[in-house]
Amino acid sequence: IIGKEDFRNGMLKYHDTWKMKHPTALDFLNIMEQESGMILDWYYEYFVQTTKTIDYGIESVVGD
């Protein structure tokens, strides 16, 4: 969702910030938002707070 580099940077920052502490899921989300510049509250809602699933679908197909 946020890309490999932003994810890697976020994980490094998360570790450096929260090592030997007691972070919450929101602490992780906040760091990933900072590193990616994206708003990820929808991700938190669907993958952390509920058992909802995302309904993936194909909107259109373009042939050659």
N, C-alpha and C. Protein backbone atom coordinates (compact mmCIF):
# COMPACT_ATOMS: atom_id res chain seq x y z
N ILE A 1 0.83 -1.19 0.00
CA ILE A 1 0.00 0.00 0.00
C ILE A 1 0.88 1.25 0.00
N ILE A 2 1.89 1.28 0.84
CA ILE A 2 2.71 2.49 0.95
C ILE A 2 4.04 2.36 0.21
N GLY A 3 4.34 1.20 -0.30
CA GLY A 3 5.60 1.00 -1.01
C GLY A 3 6.69 0.46 -0.10
N LYS A 4 7.62 -0.25 -0.71
CA LYS A 4 8.68 -0.93 0.06
C LYS A 4 9.56 0.04 0.85
N GLU A 5 9.96 1.12 0.20
CA GLU A 5 10.89 2.05 0.87
C GLU A 5 10.23 2.76 2.05
N ASP A 6 9.00 3.24 1.86
CA ASP A 6 8.30 3.90 2.96
C ASP A 6 8.02 2.91 4.09
N PHE A 7 7.68 1.67 3.72
CA PHE A 7 7.44 0.65 4.74
C PHE A 7 8.72 0.37 5.54
N ARG A 8 9.82 0.22 4.83
CA ARG A 8 11.11 -0.03 5.49
C ARG A 8 11.47 1.13 6.42
N ASN A 9 11.35 2.35 5.92
CA ASN A 9 11.66 3.52 6.75
C ASN A 9 10.72 3.61 7.95
N GLY A 10 9.45 3.29 7.73
CA GLY A 10 8.49 3.30 8.82
C GLY A 10 8.82 2.27 9.89
N MET A 11 9.22 1.08 9.45
CA MET A 11 9.57 0.03 10.41
C MET A 11 10.81 0.42 11.23
N LEU A 12 11.79 1.02 10.57
CA LEU A 12 12.98 1.47 11.29
C LEU A 12 12.64 2.55 12.31
N LYS A 13 11.82 3.51 11.89
CA LYS A 13 11.42 4.59 12.81
C LYS A 13 10.57 4.03 13.95
N TYR A 14 9.67 3.11 13.63
CA TYR A 14 8.83 2.48 14.65
C TYR A 14 9.69 1.78 15.69
N HIS A 15 10.67 1.03 15.24
CA HIS A 15 11.56 0.33 16.16
C HIS A 15 12.35 1.32 17.01
N ASP A 16 12.93 2.31 16.36
CA ASP A 16 13.73 3.30 17.11
C ASP A 16 12.89 4.08 18.12
N THR A 17 11.66 4.39 17.75
CA THR A 17 10.78 5.18 18.62
C THR A 17 10.22 4.37 19.78
N TRP A 18 9.84 3.12 19.52
CA TRP A 18 9.07 2.36 20.49
C TRP A 18 9.80 1.17 21.13
N LYS A 19 11.08 0.96 20.81
CA LYS A 19 11.77 -0.18 21.42
C LYS A 19 11.75 -0.07 22.95
N MET A 20 11.48 -1.19 23.58
CA MET A 20 11.42 -1.30 25.04
C MET A 20 10.26 -0.49 25.64
N LYS A 21 9.24 -0.20 24.83
CA LYS A 21 8.05 0.51 25.31
C LYS A 21 6.82 -0.31 24.97
N HIS A 22 5.65 0.24 25.15
CA HIS A 22 4.40 -0.48 24.92
C HIS A 22 3.52 0.27 23.92
N PRO A 23 3.85 0.17 22.62
CA PRO A 23 3.07 0.89 21.61
C PRO A 23 1.72 0.23 21.35
N THR A 24 0.84 1.00 20.76
CA THR A 24 -0.46 0.48 20.34
C THR A 24 -0.48 0.40 18.81
N ALA A 25 -1.55 -0.17 18.29
CA ALA A 25 -1.70 -0.23 16.84
C ALA A 25 -1.75 1.17 16.23
N LEU A 26 -2.33 2.12 16.96
CA LEU A 26 -2.39 3.50 16.45
C LEU A 26 -1.01 4.14 16.40
N ASP A 27 -0.13 3.77 17.31
CA ASP A 27 1.24 4.29 17.27
C ASP A 27 1.93 3.83 15.98
N PHE A 28 1.73 2.57 15.63
CA PHE A 28 2.29 2.03 14.39
C PHE A 28 1.70 2.76 13.19
N LEU A 29 0.39 2.91 13.19
CA LEU A 29 -0.30 3.58 12.08
C LEU A 29 0.19 5.02 11.91
N ASN A 30 0.35 5.73 13.01
CA ASN A 30 0.82 7.12 12.95
C ASN A 30 2.19 7.23 12.31
N ILE A 31 3.09 6.33 12.65
CA ILE A 31 4.42 6.37 12.06
C ILE A 31 4.36 6.04 10.58
N MET A 32 3.56 5.06 10.21
CA MET A 32 3.44 4.71 8.79
C MET A 32 2.81 5.86 7.99
N GLU A 33 1.88 6.58 8.59
CA GLU A 33 1.31 7.76 7.93
C GLU A 33 2.37 8.84 7.75
N GLN A 34 3.19 9.06 8.77
CA GLN A 34 4.25 10.07 8.69
C GLN A 34 5.24 9.73 7.59
N GLU A 35 5.66 8.48 7.53
CA GLU A 35 6.68 8.07 6.57
C GLU A 35 6.16 8.03 5.14
N SER A 36 4.90 7.68 4.96
CA SER A 36 4.35 7.55 3.61
C SER A 36 3.69 8.82 3.11
N GLY A 37 3.28 9.70 4.03
CA GLY A 37 2.53 10.88 3.64
C GLY A 37 1.10 10.55 3.24
N MET A 38 0.65 9.35 3.58
CA MET A 38 -0.70 8.91 3.24
C MET A 38 -1.57 8.87 4.49
N ILE A 39 -2.87 8.99 4.28
CA ILE A 39 -3.83 8.83 5.38
C ILE A 39 -4.26 7.37 5.37
N LEU A 40 -4.00 6.66 6.46
CA LEU A 40 -4.24 5.22 6.51
C LEU A 40 -5.31 4.81 7.51
N ASP A 41 -6.18 5.75 7.88
CA ASP A 41 -7.22 5.41 8.86
C ASP A 41 -8.15 4.32 8.35
N TRP A 42 -8.41 4.28 7.05
CA TRP A 42 -9.25 3.24 6.47
C TRP A 42 -8.62 1.86 6.67
N TYR A 43 -7.29 1.80 6.58
CA TYR A 43 -6.59 0.53 6.78
C TYR A 43 -6.77 0.06 8.22
N TYR A 44 -6.64 0.98 9.14
CA TYR A 44 -6.82 0.65 10.56
C TYR A 44 -8.23 0.14 10.80
N GLU A 45 -9.21 0.82 10.21
CA GLU A 45 -10.60 0.41 10.41
C GLU A 45 -10.85 -1.00 9.88
N TYR A 46 -10.40 -1.29 8.68
CA TYR A 46 -10.71 -2.57 8.05
C TYR A 46 -9.85 -3.73 8.52
N PHE A 47 -8.60 -3.49 8.88
CA PHE A 47 -7.72 -4.60 9.20
C PHE A 47 -7.37 -4.74 10.67
N VAL A 48 -7.69 -3.77 11.48
CA VAL A 48 -7.34 -3.84 12.90
C VAL A 48 -8.59 -3.86 13.77
N GLN A 49 -9.53 -2.98 13.52
CA GLN A 49 -10.68 -2.83 14.40
C GLN A 49 -11.82 -3.80 14.12
N THR A 50 -11.91 -4.35 12.92
CA THR A 50 -13.06 -5.18 12.57
C THR A 50 -12.64 -6.46 11.88
N THR A 51 -13.61 -7.26 11.57
CA THR A 51 -13.37 -8.45 10.75
C THR A 51 -13.88 -8.23 9.33
N LYS A 52 -14.10 -6.96 8.97
CA LYS A 52 -14.54 -6.63 7.62
C LYS A 52 -13.46 -7.03 6.61
N THR A 53 -13.88 -7.26 5.40
CA THR A 53 -12.93 -7.51 4.32
C THR A 53 -13.19 -6.51 3.20
N ILE A 54 -12.17 -6.27 2.43
CA ILE A 54 -12.32 -5.38 1.29
C ILE A 54 -12.79 -6.22 0.12
N ASP A 55 -13.80 -5.75 -0.59
CA ASP A 55 -14.35 -6.45 -1.73
C ASP A 55 -13.64 -5.96 -2.99
N TYR A 56 -12.61 -6.70 -3.39
CA TYR A 56 -11.88 -6.33 -4.58
C TYR A 56 -12.70 -6.71 -5.81
N GLY A 57 -12.65 -5.91 -6.83
CA GLY A 57 -13.37 -6.21 -8.06
C GLY A 57 -12.70 -5.54 -9.24
N ILE A 58 -13.01 -6.04 -10.42
CA ILE A 58 -12.48 -5.47 -11.65
C ILE A 58 -13.55 -4.55 -12.23
N GLU A 59 -13.19 -3.30 -12.37
CA GLU A 59 -14.14 -2.32 -12.89
C GLU A 59 -14.27 -2.41 -14.40
N SER A 60 -13.14 -2.58 -15.08
CA SER A 60 -13.19 -2.70 -16.54
C SER A 60 -11.94 -3.40 -17.04
N VAL A 61 -12.04 -3.92 -18.26
CA VAL A 61 -10.91 -4.59 -18.90
C VAL A 61 -10.74 -3.98 -20.28
N VAL A 62 -9.50 -3.64 -20.61
CA VAL A 62 -9.21 -3.08 -21.92
C VAL A 62 -8.41 -4.10 -22.70
N GLY A 63 -8.88 -4.47 -23.86
CA GLY A 63 -8.19 -5.45 -24.70
C GLY A 63 -7.13 -4.80 -25.56
N ASP A 64 -6.31 -5.64 -26.17
CA ASP A 64 -5.25 -5.15 -27.07
C ASP A 64 -5.81 -4.71 -28.39
